[in-house]
Amino acid sequence: MSDAADTPPDRLAVNPNSPFYDEKALERGVGVRFKGVEKTNVEEYCVSEGWVRLSAGKTLDRAGNPMTVKLKGPVEPYFRDSPAEG
C-alpha cells in the first residue's frame, strides 16, 4: 500500500505563479500517464477532476506563458524516483 509521502498531489502545476505549484514534488520528479500514455508536456493536472493541461508546441500567450490544451480523461501521476528508505 502506498504511503501519503509516495503519492503525488491531486493537483499540480509547473508554473510558479499557480496556487497548485509544489516545488518539492517537482524536484522529486512527477511523471504523468494520461489515458494510459506517458505524457512529457504536462503543464498542470488534476486527478480528482480528471483532466490534464498540455503545452501546445512552443506557442506563447500574451503573458509569455505556454499556450495549453485541456483534455479530460483518467490521470495517473507518479513519482519518477523510488523513495530512498533504508
C-alpha atoms as a PDB file:
ATOM      1  CA  MET A   1       0.000   0.000   0.000  1.00  0.00           C
ATOM      2  CA  SER A   2       1.433   3.377  -0.916  1.00  0.00           C
ATOM      3  CA  ASP A   3       2.314   5.914   1.697  1.00  0.00           C
ATOM      4  CA  ALA A   4       0.982   9.508   1.575  1.00  0.00           C
ATOM      5  CA  ALA A   5       4.572  10.682   1.002  1.00  0.00           C
ATOM      6  CA  ASP A   6       4.778   8.393  -2.049  1.00  0.00           C
ATOM      7  CA  THR A   7       1.615   9.787  -3.663  1.00  0.00           C
ATOM      8  CA  PRO A   8       1.893  12.879  -5.871  1.00  0.00           C
ATOM      9  CA  PRO A   9      -0.527  15.726  -5.131  1.00  0.00           C
ATOM     10  CA  ASP A  10      -4.091  15.526  -6.507  1.00  0.00           C
ATOM     11  CA  ARG A  11      -3.448  18.711  -8.491  1.00  0.00           C
ATOM     12  CA  LEU A  12      -0.078  20.047  -9.579  1.00  0.00           C
ATOM     13  CA  ALA A  13       1.119  22.851 -11.855  1.00  0.00           C
ATOM     14  CA  VAL A  14       4.620  23.621 -13.147  1.00  0.00           C
ATOM     15  CA  ASN A  15       4.008  27.394 -13.216  1.00  0.00           C
ATOM     16  CA  PRO A  16       5.436  29.023 -10.029  1.00  0.00           C
ATOM     17  CA  ASN A  17       2.621  31.626 -10.124  1.00  0.00           C
ATOM     18  CA  SER A  18      -0.058  28.937  -9.770  1.00  0.00           C
ATOM     19  CA  PRO A  19      -1.566  28.148  -6.352  1.00  0.00           C
ATOM     20  CA  PHE A  20      -1.060  24.452  -7.244  1.00  0.00           C
ATOM     21  CA  TYR A  21       2.717  24.764  -7.715  1.00  0.00           C
ATOM     22  CA  ASP A  22       4.665  22.402  -5.410  1.00  0.00           C
ATOM     23  CA  GLU A  23       8.432  22.819  -5.669  1.00  0.00           C
ATOM     24  CA  LYS A  24       9.255  19.760  -3.542  1.00  0.00           C
ATOM     25  CA  ALA A  25       7.105  17.443  -5.659  1.00  0.00           C
ATOM     26  CA  LEU A  26       8.546  18.846  -8.892  1.00  0.00           C
ATOM     27  CA  GLU A  27      12.125  18.498  -7.616  1.00  0.00           C
ATOM     28  CA  ARG A  28      11.417  14.858  -6.857  1.00  0.00           C
ATOM     29  CA  GLY A  29      10.095  14.347 -10.381  1.00  0.00           C
ATOM     30  CA  VAL A  30       6.456  13.638 -11.176  1.00  0.00           C
ATOM     31  CA  GLY A  31       5.515  11.594 -14.221  1.00  0.00           C
ATOM     32  CA  VAL A  32       2.007  11.595 -15.660  1.00  0.00           C
ATOM     33  CA  ARG A  33       0.158   8.895 -17.570  1.00  0.00           C
ATOM     34  CA  PHE A  34      -2.960  10.197 -19.328  1.00  0.00           C
ATOM     35  CA  LYS A  35      -5.325   7.579 -20.741  1.00  0.00           C
ATOM     36  CA  GLY A  36      -2.531   5.062 -20.198  1.00  0.00           C
ATOM     37  CA  VAL A  37       0.048   7.019 -22.262  1.00  0.00           C
ATOM     38  CA  GLU A  38       3.134   8.699 -20.796  1.00  0.00           C
ATOM     39  CA  LYS A  39       2.964  12.486 -21.303  1.00  0.00           C
ATOM     40  CA  THR A  40       6.029  14.734 -21.079  1.00  0.00           C
ATOM     41  CA  ASN A  41       4.407  18.089 -21.914  1.00  0.00           C
ATOM     42  CA  VAL A  42       2.011  18.372 -18.939  1.00  0.00           C
ATOM     43  CA  GLU A  43       1.740  21.916 -17.570  1.00  0.00           C
ATOM     44  CA  GLU A  44      -0.920  21.060 -14.952  1.00  0.00           C
ATOM     45  CA  TYR A  45      -3.097  18.106 -13.971  1.00  0.00           C
ATOM     46  CA  CYS A  46      -5.968  17.295 -11.622  1.00  0.00           C
ATOM     47  CA  VAL A  47      -6.674  13.664 -10.716  1.00  0.00           C
ATOM     48  CA  SER A  48      -9.997  14.202  -8.906  1.00  0.00           C
ATOM     49  CA  GLU A  49     -11.455  16.271 -11.767  1.00  0.00           C
ATOM     50  CA  GLY A  50      -9.878  14.021 -14.438  1.00  0.00           C
ATOM     51  CA  TRP A  51      -8.001  16.432 -16.719  1.00  0.00           C
ATOM     52  CA  VAL A  52      -4.553  17.470 -17.874  1.00  0.00           C
ATOM     53  CA  ARG A  53      -3.365  20.729 -19.405  1.00  0.00           C
ATOM     54  CA  LEU A  54      -0.738  20.094 -22.098  1.00  0.00           C
ATOM     55  CA  SER A  55       1.520  22.690 -23.697  1.00  0.00           C
ATOM     56  CA  ALA A  56       0.689  23.266 -27.360  1.00  0.00           C
ATOM     57  CA  GLY A  57       4.101  23.403 -29.023  1.00  0.00           C
ATOM     58  CA  LYS A  58       6.235  26.494 -28.483  1.00  0.00           C
ATOM     59  CA  THR A  59       3.342  28.962 -28.800  1.00  0.00           C
ATOM     60  CA  LEU A  60       3.095  31.539 -26.010  1.00  0.00           C
ATOM     61  CA  ASP A  61       0.132  33.588 -24.817  1.00  0.00           C
ATOM     62  CA  ARG A  62       0.321  37.367 -24.412  1.00  0.00           C
ATOM     63  CA  ALA A  63       1.677  36.985 -20.867  1.00  0.00           C
ATOM     64  CA  GLY A  64       4.557  34.814 -22.137  1.00  0.00           C
ATOM     65  CA  ASN A  65       3.154  31.555 -20.739  1.00  0.00           C
ATOM     66  CA  PRO A  66       2.859  28.418 -22.899  1.00  0.00           C
ATOM     67  CA  MET A  67      -0.455  28.013 -24.725  1.00  0.00           C
ATOM     68  CA  THR A  68      -2.196  24.944 -23.368  1.00  0.00           C
ATOM     69  CA  VAL A  69      -4.884  22.468 -24.324  1.00  0.00           C
ATOM     70  CA  LYS A  70      -7.107  20.951 -21.624  1.00  0.00           C
ATOM     71  CA  LEU A  71      -8.012  17.288 -22.129  1.00  0.00           C
ATOM     72  CA  LYS A  72     -10.347  15.176 -19.994  1.00  0.00           C
ATOM     73  CA  GLY A  73      -9.699  11.570 -19.086  1.00  0.00           C
ATOM     74  CA  PRO A  74      -8.053   9.328 -16.481  1.00  0.00           C
ATOM     75  CA  VAL A  75      -4.886  10.855 -14.975  1.00  0.00           C
ATOM     76  CA  GLU A  76      -2.243   8.728 -13.223  1.00  0.00           C
ATOM     77  CA  PRO A  77       0.583  10.763 -11.652  1.00  0.00           C
ATOM     78  CA  TYR A  78       3.561   9.004 -10.077  1.00  0.00           C
ATOM     79  CA  PHE A  79       6.937   9.895  -8.644  1.00  0.00           C
ATOM     80  CA  ARG A  80       9.760   9.021 -11.043  1.00  0.00           C
ATOM     81  CA  ASP A  81      12.170   8.159  -8.238  1.00  0.00           C
ATOM     82  CA  SER A  82      11.689   5.428  -5.693  1.00  0.00           C
ATOM     83  CA  PRO A  83      11.762   6.541  -2.073  1.00  0.00           C
ATOM     84  CA  ALA A  84      15.248   6.095  -0.631  1.00  0.00           C
ATOM     85  CA  GLU A  85      14.366   4.474   2.678  1.00  0.00           C
ATOM     86  CA  GLY A  86      16.800   2.117   4.130  1.00  0.00           C
END
